[in-house]
């Protein structure tokens, strides 16, 4: 029915379950699922651009996360809470 890779097996499992439920309710409709492979990027400039965008997003996320912990501990200090 499907290969051992999870990215190919899960859509097939959902398809089987959906069609089974449709048959239980006497429906004539059916779902069809197909899986096309991802094609590799052959242009290195595009690959570098994708990496740069992802890297920039991760750096912005990393820069914004530590203040959340500091604000939380300052709130605890103000209300004098103990762990």
N, C-alpha and C. Protein backbone atom coordinates (compact mmCIF):
# COMPACT_ATOMS: atom_id res chain seq x y z
N UNK A 1 0.81 -1.19 0.00
CA UNK A 1 0.00 0.00 0.00
C UNK A 1 0.86 1.26 0.00
N UNK A 2 1.85 1.31 0.88
CA UNK A 2 2.69 2.51 0.95
C UNK A 2 4.10 2.10 1.33
N UNK A 3 5.02 3.01 1.08
CA UNK A 3 6.41 2.74 1.41
C UNK A 3 6.64 2.94 2.91
N UNK A 4 7.83 2.65 3.35
CA UNK A 4 8.14 2.71 4.78
C UNK A 4 8.37 4.13 5.28
N UNK A 5 8.57 5.09 4.38
CA UNK A 5 8.82 6.46 4.81
C UNK A 5 7.53 7.08 5.35
N UNK A 6 7.61 7.81 6.46
CA UNK A 6 6.40 8.40 7.05
C UNK A 6 5.73 9.44 6.15
N UNK A 7 6.51 10.16 5.35
CA UNK A 7 5.90 11.19 4.52
C UNK A 7 5.06 10.59 3.40
N UNK A 8 5.27 9.32 3.07
CA UNK A 8 4.47 8.67 2.04
C UNK A 8 3.35 7.85 2.62
N UNK A 9 3.53 7.38 3.84
CA UNK A 9 2.56 6.47 4.44
C UNK A 9 1.38 7.19 5.08
N UNK A 10 1.61 8.34 5.70
CA UNK A 10 0.52 9.03 6.39
C UNK A 10 -0.60 9.48 5.46
N UNK A 11 -0.29 10.09 4.31
CA UNK A 11 -1.40 10.46 3.41
C UNK A 11 -2.19 9.23 2.94
N UNK A 12 -1.50 8.11 2.73
CA UNK A 12 -2.19 6.89 2.31
C UNK A 12 -3.10 6.38 3.42
N UNK A 13 -2.63 6.45 4.65
CA UNK A 13 -3.46 6.02 5.79
C UNK A 13 -4.70 6.90 5.93
N UNK A 14 -4.54 8.20 5.78
CA UNK A 14 -5.68 9.11 5.85
C UNK A 14 -6.65 8.82 4.71
N UNK A 15 -6.12 8.51 3.54
CA UNK A 15 -6.96 8.18 2.39
C UNK A 15 -7.77 6.92 2.66
N UNK A 16 -7.14 5.89 3.19
CA UNK A 16 -7.84 4.63 3.49
C UNK A 16 -8.93 4.86 4.52
N UNK A 17 -8.60 5.59 5.58
CA UNK A 17 -9.60 5.84 6.63
C UNK A 17 -10.77 6.69 6.10
N UNK A 18 -10.46 7.70 5.30
CA UNK A 18 -11.51 8.57 4.77
C UNK A 18 -12.45 7.78 3.85
N UNK A 19 -11.87 6.97 2.98
CA UNK A 19 -12.70 6.18 2.08
C UNK A 19 -13.51 5.13 2.83
N UNK A 20 -12.96 4.59 3.92
CA UNK A 20 -13.70 3.63 4.73
C UNK A 20 -14.91 4.30 5.37
N UNK A 21 -14.71 5.50 5.93
CA UNK A 21 -15.84 6.21 6.52
C UNK A 21 -16.88 6.60 5.47
N UNK A 22 -16.43 6.96 4.28
CA UNK A 22 -17.39 7.28 3.22
C UNK A 22 -18.23 6.06 2.84
N UNK A 23 -17.59 4.90 2.78
CA UNK A 23 -18.34 3.68 2.46
C UNK A 23 -19.32 3.32 3.57
N UNK A 24 -18.93 3.58 4.83
CA UNK A 24 -19.83 3.28 5.94
C UNK A 24 -21.12 4.10 5.85
N UNK A 25 -21.01 5.31 5.35
CA UNK A 25 -22.17 6.18 5.23
C UNK A 25 -22.83 6.10 3.85
N UNK A 26 -22.51 5.05 3.09
CA UNK A 26 -23.11 4.77 1.77
C UNK A 26 -22.94 5.93 0.79
N UNK A 27 -21.78 6.53 0.80
CA UNK A 27 -21.51 7.63 -0.12
C UNK A 27 -20.82 7.08 -1.37
N UNK A 28 -21.06 7.70 -2.48
CA UNK A 28 -20.41 7.26 -3.72
C UNK A 28 -19.12 8.06 -3.99
N UNK A 29 -18.85 9.07 -3.18
CA UNK A 29 -17.65 9.88 -3.36
C UNK A 29 -16.44 9.12 -2.83
N UNK A 30 -15.28 9.38 -3.43
CA UNK A 30 -14.04 8.77 -3.00
C UNK A 30 -12.93 9.82 -3.02
N UNK A 31 -11.96 9.65 -2.13
CA UNK A 31 -10.77 10.50 -2.11
C UNK A 31 -9.65 9.81 -2.86
N UNK A 32 -8.88 10.59 -3.59
CA UNK A 32 -7.67 10.07 -4.22
C UNK A 32 -6.49 10.86 -3.69
N UNK A 33 -5.42 10.16 -3.34
CA UNK A 33 -4.21 10.80 -2.81
C UNK A 33 -3.04 10.37 -3.67
N UNK A 34 -2.19 11.31 -4.03
CA UNK A 34 -0.96 10.98 -4.71
C UNK A 34 0.16 11.80 -4.10
N UNK A 35 1.34 11.31 -4.21
CA UNK A 35 2.48 11.92 -3.55
C UNK A 35 3.56 12.18 -4.60
N UNK A 36 3.85 13.44 -4.86
CA UNK A 36 4.91 13.80 -5.79
C UNK A 36 6.16 14.11 -5.00
N UNK A 37 7.31 13.65 -5.47
CA UNK A 37 8.55 13.94 -4.73
C UNK A 37 8.94 15.41 -4.87
N UNK A 38 9.68 15.88 -3.90
CA UNK A 38 10.22 17.23 -3.99
C UNK A 38 11.41 17.21 -4.94
N UNK A 39 11.47 18.19 -5.80
CA UNK A 39 12.58 18.26 -6.72
C UNK A 39 13.71 19.06 -6.09
N UNK A 40 14.95 18.63 -6.25
CA UNK A 40 16.06 19.37 -5.63
C UNK A 40 16.25 20.73 -6.30
N UNK A 41 16.72 21.66 -5.52
CA UNK A 41 16.99 23.01 -6.04
C UNK A 41 18.35 22.95 -6.73
N UNK A 42 18.36 23.30 -7.99
CA UNK A 42 19.60 23.20 -8.75
C UNK A 42 20.34 24.53 -8.83
N UNK A 43 19.68 25.60 -8.41
CA UNK A 43 20.30 26.92 -8.47
C UNK A 43 20.89 27.24 -7.10
N UNK A 44 22.22 27.32 -6.98
CA UNK A 44 22.82 27.58 -5.66
C UNK A 44 22.46 28.95 -5.08
N UNK A 45 22.16 29.93 -5.94
CA UNK A 45 21.79 31.26 -5.44
C UNK A 45 20.45 31.17 -4.73
N UNK A 46 19.51 30.40 -5.28
CA UNK A 46 18.21 30.21 -4.63
C UNK A 46 18.38 29.48 -3.31
N UNK A 47 19.25 28.48 -3.28
CA UNK A 47 19.49 27.73 -2.05
C UNK A 47 20.10 28.63 -0.97
N UNK A 48 21.02 29.50 -1.36
CA UNK A 48 21.61 30.44 -0.40
C UNK A 48 20.57 31.44 0.09
N UNK A 49 19.67 31.85 -0.79
CA UNK A 49 18.62 32.79 -0.40
C UNK A 49 17.67 32.17 0.62
N UNK A 50 17.31 30.92 0.40
CA UNK A 50 16.43 30.22 1.34
C UNK A 50 17.13 30.07 2.69
N UNK A 51 18.42 29.72 2.66
CA UNK A 51 19.17 29.59 3.90
C UNK A 51 19.25 30.93 4.63
N UNK A 52 19.49 32.01 3.90
CA UNK A 52 19.61 33.33 4.51
C UNK A 52 18.29 33.76 5.17
N UNK A 53 17.18 33.51 4.50
CA UNK A 53 15.88 33.87 5.06
C UNK A 53 15.60 33.06 6.33
N UNK A 54 15.84 31.76 6.29
CA UNK A 54 15.62 30.92 7.47
C UNK A 54 16.56 31.31 8.61
N UNK A 55 17.81 31.57 8.29
CA UNK A 55 18.78 31.96 9.31
C UNK A 55 18.40 33.29 9.95
N UNK A 56 17.97 34.25 9.14
CA UNK A 56 17.56 35.55 9.67
C UNK A 56 16.36 35.41 10.58
N UNK A 57 15.39 34.61 10.17
CA UNK A 57 14.21 34.38 10.99
C UNK A 57 14.58 33.74 12.33
N UNK A 58 15.48 32.78 12.31
CA UNK A 58 15.90 32.12 13.56
C UNK A 58 16.66 33.08 14.47
N UNK A 59 17.46 33.98 13.89
CA UNK A 59 18.19 34.95 14.71
C UNK A 59 17.23 35.95 15.35
N UNK A 60 16.23 36.39 14.62
CA UNK A 60 15.24 37.32 15.20
C UNK A 60 14.48 36.62 16.31
N UNK A 61 14.12 35.37 16.09
CA UNK A 61 13.42 34.60 17.12
C UNK A 61 14.31 34.40 18.34
N UNK A 62 15.58 34.07 18.13
CA UNK A 62 16.51 33.87 19.25
C UNK A 62 16.75 35.17 20.01
N UNK A 63 16.72 36.29 19.32
CA UNK A 63 16.94 37.57 20.00
C UNK A 63 15.72 37.99 20.82
N UNK A 64 14.55 37.57 20.43
CA UNK A 64 13.34 37.99 21.14
C UNK A 64 12.92 37.07 22.25
N UNK A 65 13.49 35.88 22.32
CA UNK A 65 13.05 34.91 23.32
C UNK A 65 13.61 35.16 24.73
N UNK A 66 14.88 35.47 24.92
CA UNK A 66 15.41 35.66 26.28
C UNK A 66 14.71 36.74 27.11
N UNK A 67 14.27 37.86 26.53
CA UNK A 67 13.57 38.84 27.38
C UNK A 67 12.29 38.29 28.01
N UNK A 68 11.68 37.31 27.39
CA UNK A 68 10.47 36.72 27.99
C UNK A 68 10.80 36.06 29.32
N UNK A 69 11.94 35.40 29.40
CA UNK A 69 12.33 34.76 30.65
C UNK A 69 12.69 35.81 31.70
N UNK A 70 13.34 36.90 31.27
CA UNK A 70 13.73 37.95 32.20
C UNK A 70 12.50 38.65 32.77
N UNK A 71 11.51 38.92 31.94
CA UNK A 71 10.30 39.59 32.41
C UNK A 71 9.58 38.70 33.41
N UNK A 72 9.55 37.40 33.13
CA UNK A 72 8.89 36.47 34.03
C UNK A 72 9.57 36.44 35.41
N UNK A 73 10.89 36.40 35.42
CA UNK A 73 11.58 36.36 36.71
C UNK A 73 11.47 37.69 37.45
N UNK A 74 11.39 38.80 36.73
CA UNK A 74 11.20 40.09 37.39
C UNK A 74 9.81 40.18 38.02
N UNK A 75 8.81 39.63 37.36
CA UNK A 75 7.46 39.60 37.94
C UNK A 75 7.48 38.79 39.23
N UNK A 76 8.18 37.65 39.20
CA UNK A 76 8.27 36.83 40.41
C UNK A 76 8.98 37.59 41.53
N UNK A 77 10.01 38.35 41.18
CA UNK A 77 10.74 39.12 42.19
C UNK A 77 9.85 40.21 42.80
N UNK A 78 9.04 40.86 41.97
CA UNK A 78 8.17 41.94 42.45
C UNK A 78 7.11 41.44 43.42
N UNK A 79 6.55 40.29 43.13
CA UNK A 79 5.50 39.76 44.02
C UNK A 79 6.07 38.86 45.11
N UNK A 80 7.42 38.74 45.13
CA UNK A 80 8.14 37.96 46.13
C UNK A 80 7.66 36.50 46.21
N UNK A 81 7.54 35.91 45.02
CA UNK A 81 7.11 34.50 44.99
C UNK A 81 8.33 33.59 45.17
N UNK A 82 8.08 32.45 45.80
CA UNK A 82 9.14 31.47 46.04
C UNK A 82 8.81 30.19 45.26
N UNK A 83 9.84 29.52 44.85
CA UNK A 83 9.62 28.27 44.11
C UNK A 83 9.38 27.12 45.08
